[in-house]
């Protein structure tokens, strides 16, 4: 049996390694996707409708901007969004 030893210095690199590979959602709710978008783009996302939070999404992004990611989700989720400085509002 092989073992993997992770030193504390390595854990930060592992936790942030997903950032280097891109932003991906695989059958995730918009609420979960919003959490990941917040961390990826350093913004605050406010979803104004409870039904929208439960919609699911599957997509992969490599180098897209915040607006490009939201636009792609918008087409499949049929919601509207507004970007103001470091915050995003999603609504019906």
N, C-alpha and C. Protein backbone atom coordinates (compact mmCIF):
# COMPACT_ATOMS: atom_id res chain seq x y z
N UNK A 1 0.85 -1.17 0.00
CA UNK A 1 0.00 0.00 0.00
C UNK A 1 0.90 1.24 0.00
N UNK A 2 0.59 2.21 -0.88
CA UNK A 2 1.39 3.43 -0.93
C UNK A 2 0.76 4.49 -0.05
N UNK A 3 1.59 5.40 0.41
CA UNK A 3 1.13 6.48 1.28
C UNK A 3 1.49 7.81 0.65
N UNK A 4 0.66 8.77 0.91
CA UNK A 4 0.95 10.14 0.49
C UNK A 4 1.06 10.96 1.75
N UNK A 5 2.17 11.61 1.92
CA UNK A 5 2.37 12.49 3.07
C UNK A 5 2.22 13.92 2.61
N UNK A 6 1.35 14.65 3.27
CA UNK A 6 1.14 16.05 2.95
C UNK A 6 1.64 16.88 4.11
N UNK A 7 2.60 17.72 3.82
CA UNK A 7 3.10 18.63 4.84
C UNK A 7 2.22 19.88 4.84
N UNK A 8 2.12 20.59 5.96
CA UNK A 8 1.28 21.81 5.99
C UNK A 8 1.61 22.78 4.88
N UNK A 9 2.86 22.92 4.51
CA UNK A 9 3.23 23.83 3.43
C UNK A 9 2.62 23.38 2.10
N UNK A 10 2.42 22.07 1.93
CA UNK A 10 1.85 21.54 0.70
C UNK A 10 0.34 21.73 0.63
N UNK A 11 -0.32 21.78 1.77
CA UNK A 11 -1.78 21.81 1.77
C UNK A 11 -2.34 23.05 1.08
N UNK A 12 -1.71 24.19 1.24
CA UNK A 12 -2.19 25.40 0.56
C UNK A 12 -2.09 25.24 -0.94
N UNK A 13 -1.02 24.63 -1.40
CA UNK A 13 -0.86 24.41 -2.84
C UNK A 13 -1.94 23.47 -3.35
N UNK A 14 -2.25 22.43 -2.59
CA UNK A 14 -3.29 21.50 -3.01
C UNK A 14 -4.66 22.16 -3.03
N UNK A 15 -4.94 22.97 -2.00
CA UNK A 15 -6.24 23.64 -1.92
C UNK A 15 -6.46 24.61 -3.07
N UNK A 16 -5.39 25.21 -3.57
CA UNK A 16 -5.52 26.19 -4.64
C UNK A 16 -5.22 25.64 -6.02
N UNK A 17 -4.89 24.36 -6.11
CA UNK A 17 -4.53 23.79 -7.41
C UNK A 17 -5.68 23.82 -8.40
N UNK A 18 -6.92 23.77 -7.91
CA UNK A 18 -8.07 23.81 -8.82
C UNK A 18 -8.11 25.13 -9.58
N UNK A 19 -7.57 26.20 -9.02
CA UNK A 19 -7.58 27.48 -9.71
C UNK A 19 -6.76 27.46 -10.98
N UNK A 20 -5.68 26.70 -10.98
CA UNK A 20 -4.82 26.65 -12.15
C UNK A 20 -5.45 25.87 -13.29
N UNK A 21 -6.32 24.93 -12.99
CA UNK A 21 -6.87 24.08 -14.04
C UNK A 21 -8.14 24.64 -14.66
N UNK A 22 -8.80 25.58 -14.05
CA UNK A 22 -10.01 26.16 -14.60
C UNK A 22 -11.18 26.03 -13.64
N UNK A 23 -12.27 26.61 -14.05
CA UNK A 23 -13.50 26.62 -13.26
C UNK A 23 -14.47 25.64 -13.89
N UNK A 24 -14.89 24.64 -13.14
CA UNK A 24 -15.77 23.60 -13.68
C UNK A 24 -16.95 23.36 -12.76
N UNK A 25 -18.10 23.15 -13.36
CA UNK A 25 -19.31 22.76 -12.63
C UNK A 25 -19.83 21.49 -13.27
N UNK A 26 -20.07 20.50 -12.47
CA UNK A 26 -20.60 19.24 -12.99
C UNK A 26 -21.82 18.85 -12.18
N UNK A 27 -22.99 19.17 -12.74
CA UNK A 27 -24.27 18.89 -12.09
C UNK A 27 -24.35 19.58 -10.73
N UNK A 28 -23.89 20.82 -10.67
CA UNK A 28 -23.90 21.59 -9.43
C UNK A 28 -25.05 22.59 -9.44
N UNK A 29 -25.59 22.85 -8.26
CA UNK A 29 -26.63 23.86 -8.16
C UNK A 29 -26.01 25.24 -8.41
N UNK A 30 -26.85 26.18 -8.79
CA UNK A 30 -26.37 27.54 -8.99
C UNK A 30 -25.82 28.10 -7.68
N UNK A 31 -26.41 27.70 -6.58
CA UNK A 31 -25.93 28.15 -5.27
C UNK A 31 -24.48 27.70 -5.04
N UNK A 32 -24.18 26.45 -5.34
CA UNK A 32 -22.81 25.95 -5.20
C UNK A 32 -21.88 26.60 -6.23
N UNK A 33 -22.37 26.75 -7.45
CA UNK A 33 -21.57 27.38 -8.50
C UNK A 33 -21.25 28.83 -8.11
N UNK A 34 -22.21 29.52 -7.50
CA UNK A 34 -22.00 30.91 -7.08
C UNK A 34 -20.88 30.99 -6.04
N UNK A 35 -20.85 30.04 -5.13
CA UNK A 35 -19.80 30.00 -4.12
C UNK A 35 -18.42 29.88 -4.79
N UNK A 36 -18.33 29.04 -5.79
CA UNK A 36 -17.06 28.85 -6.49
C UNK A 36 -16.71 30.07 -7.35
N UNK A 37 -17.72 30.69 -7.94
CA UNK A 37 -17.50 31.92 -8.71
C UNK A 37 -16.96 33.02 -7.80
N UNK A 38 -17.53 33.11 -6.59
CA UNK A 38 -17.06 34.11 -5.63
C UNK A 38 -15.56 33.97 -5.37
N UNK A 39 -15.12 32.75 -5.16
CA UNK A 39 -13.72 32.51 -4.86
C UNK A 39 -12.84 32.69 -6.09
N UNK A 40 -13.33 32.26 -7.22
CA UNK A 40 -12.54 32.33 -8.46
C UNK A 40 -12.28 33.78 -8.88
N UNK A 41 -13.36 34.60 -8.82
CA UNK A 41 -13.27 35.98 -9.31
C UNK A 41 -13.19 37.03 -8.20
N UNK A 42 -13.18 36.57 -6.95
CA UNK A 42 -13.11 37.48 -5.81
C UNK A 42 -14.25 38.51 -5.84
N UNK A 43 -15.47 38.00 -5.97
CA UNK A 43 -16.67 38.82 -5.96
C UNK A 43 -17.67 38.22 -4.97
N UNK A 44 -18.71 38.97 -4.67
CA UNK A 44 -19.81 38.49 -3.85
C UNK A 44 -20.99 38.25 -4.79
N UNK A 45 -21.60 37.06 -4.71
CA UNK A 45 -22.74 36.72 -5.57
C UNK A 45 -23.99 36.61 -4.71
N UNK A 46 -25.03 37.34 -5.11
CA UNK A 46 -26.32 37.33 -4.40
C UNK A 46 -27.37 36.79 -5.37
N UNK A 47 -27.95 35.64 -5.05
CA UNK A 47 -29.01 35.05 -5.86
C UNK A 47 -30.33 35.43 -5.22
N UNK A 48 -31.15 36.19 -5.92
CA UNK A 48 -32.35 36.77 -5.34
C UNK A 48 -33.59 35.88 -5.40
N UNK A 49 -33.48 34.70 -5.96
CA UNK A 49 -34.64 33.83 -6.11
C UNK A 49 -34.28 32.42 -5.64
N UNK A 50 -35.07 31.87 -4.73
CA UNK A 50 -34.79 30.54 -4.18
C UNK A 50 -34.84 29.45 -5.25
N UNK A 51 -35.76 29.55 -6.20
CA UNK A 51 -35.86 28.54 -7.27
C UNK A 51 -34.60 28.53 -8.14
N UNK A 52 -34.05 29.70 -8.41
CA UNK A 52 -32.83 29.78 -9.21
C UNK A 52 -31.67 29.07 -8.54
N UNK A 53 -31.60 29.13 -7.23
CA UNK A 53 -30.50 28.51 -6.48
C UNK A 53 -30.42 27.01 -6.73
N UNK A 54 -31.55 26.37 -7.01
CA UNK A 54 -31.57 24.91 -7.15
C UNK A 54 -31.37 24.41 -8.57
N UNK A 55 -31.33 25.31 -9.55
CA UNK A 55 -31.05 24.89 -10.93
C UNK A 55 -29.65 24.29 -11.00
N UNK A 56 -29.46 23.27 -11.83
CA UNK A 56 -28.14 22.62 -11.92
C UNK A 56 -27.44 22.96 -13.23
N UNK A 57 -26.11 22.96 -13.15
CA UNK A 57 -25.27 23.37 -14.26
C UNK A 57 -24.08 22.44 -14.40
N UNK A 58 -23.69 22.22 -15.65
CA UNK A 58 -22.46 21.48 -15.96
C UNK A 58 -21.75 22.22 -17.07
N UNK A 59 -20.55 22.72 -16.79
CA UNK A 59 -19.77 23.43 -17.80
C UNK A 59 -18.34 23.58 -17.31
N UNK A 60 -17.47 23.82 -18.25
CA UNK A 60 -16.04 23.99 -17.97
C UNK A 60 -15.58 25.32 -18.55
N UNK A 61 -14.80 26.05 -17.77
CA UNK A 61 -14.24 27.32 -18.21
C UNK A 61 -12.74 27.30 -17.97
N UNK A 62 -11.99 27.84 -18.89
CA UNK A 62 -10.53 27.90 -18.74
C UNK A 62 -10.06 29.32 -18.44
N UNK A 63 -10.25 30.21 -19.39
CA UNK A 63 -9.72 31.58 -19.25
C UNK A 63 -10.81 32.63 -19.43
N UNK A 64 -12.06 32.24 -19.24
CA UNK A 64 -13.16 33.18 -19.45
C UNK A 64 -13.24 34.22 -18.32
N UNK A 65 -13.76 35.37 -18.69
CA UNK A 65 -13.97 36.45 -17.72
C UNK A 65 -15.23 36.16 -16.90
N UNK A 66 -15.43 36.93 -15.86
CA UNK A 66 -16.65 36.81 -15.05
C UNK A 66 -17.88 36.99 -15.92
N UNK A 67 -17.87 38.00 -16.77
CA UNK A 67 -19.02 38.26 -17.64
C UNK A 67 -19.27 37.08 -18.59
N UNK A 68 -18.22 36.50 -19.13
CA UNK A 68 -18.38 35.36 -20.04
C UNK A 68 -18.96 34.15 -19.31
N UNK A 69 -18.52 33.90 -18.08
CA UNK A 69 -19.06 32.78 -17.30
C UNK A 69 -20.54 33.02 -17.00
N UNK A 70 -20.87 34.21 -16.55
CA UNK A 70 -22.28 34.52 -16.24
C UNK A 70 -23.16 34.47 -17.48
N UNK A 71 -22.63 34.92 -18.60
CA UNK A 71 -23.40 34.90 -19.84
C UNK A 71 -23.70 33.45 -20.25
N UNK A 72 -22.72 32.57 -20.13
CA UNK A 72 -22.94 31.16 -20.47
C UNK A 72 -23.98 30.53 -19.54
N UNK A 73 -23.89 30.81 -18.25
CA UNK A 73 -24.87 30.28 -17.30
C UNK A 73 -26.25 30.89 -17.54
N UNK A 74 -26.26 32.15 -17.89
CA UNK A 74 -27.51 32.87 -18.18
C UNK A 74 -28.29 32.20 -19.32
N UNK A 75 -27.60 31.80 -20.37
CA UNK A 75 -28.28 31.19 -21.51
C UNK A 75 -28.94 29.87 -21.15
N UNK A 76 -28.30 29.10 -20.29
CA UNK A 76 -28.88 27.81 -19.92
C UNK A 76 -29.84 27.92 -18.75
N UNK A 77 -29.64 28.91 -17.88
CA UNK A 77 -30.46 29.02 -16.68
C UNK A 77 -31.60 29.99 -16.77
N UNK A 78 -31.65 30.76 -17.83
CA UNK A 78 -32.74 31.71 -18.03
C UNK A 78 -32.90 32.68 -16.86
N UNK A 79 -31.79 33.23 -16.40
CA UNK A 79 -31.85 34.26 -15.37
C UNK A 79 -31.15 35.50 -15.90
N UNK A 80 -31.29 36.57 -15.16
CA UNK A 80 -30.61 37.83 -15.49
C UNK A 80 -29.56 38.07 -14.42
N UNK A 81 -28.62 38.90 -14.73
CA UNK A 81 -27.58 39.23 -13.75
C UNK A 81 -27.15 40.67 -13.93
N UNK A 82 -26.59 41.21 -12.86
CA UNK A 82 -26.05 42.56 -12.88
C UNK A 82 -24.70 42.52 -12.16
N UNK A 83 -23.69 43.09 -12.77
CA UNK A 83 -22.37 43.17 -12.17
C UNK A 83 -22.13 44.62 -11.76
N UNK A 84 -21.81 44.82 -10.50
CA UNK A 84 -21.50 46.15 -9.99
C UNK A 84 -20.24 46.05 -9.14
N UNK A 85 -19.14 46.58 -9.64
CA UNK A 85 -17.83 46.53 -8.98
C UNK A 85 -17.48 45.10 -8.59
N UNK A 86 -17.50 44.78 -7.31
CA UNK A 86 -17.10 43.44 -6.87
C UNK A 86 -18.29 42.61 -6.38
N UNK A 87 -19.46 42.89 -6.95
CA UNK A 87 -20.64 42.09 -6.59
C UNK A 87 -21.47 41.75 -7.82
N UNK A 88 -22.14 40.60 -7.74
CA UNK A 88 -22.99 40.12 -8.82
C UNK A 88 -24.36 39.81 -8.21
N UNK A 89 -25.41 40.29 -8.86
CA UNK A 89 -26.77 39.98 -8.44
C UNK A 89 -27.40 39.15 -9.54
N UNK A 90 -27.97 38.00 -9.15
CA UNK A 90 -28.65 37.10 -10.09
C UNK A 90 -30.14 37.11 -9.72
N UNK A 91 -30.99 37.32 -10.74
CA UNK A 91 -32.42 37.41 -10.50
C UNK A 91 -33.19 36.90 -11.71
N UNK A 92 -34.51 36.66 -11.52
CA UNK A 92 -35.35 36.18 -12.62
C UNK A 92 -35.66 37.29 -13.58
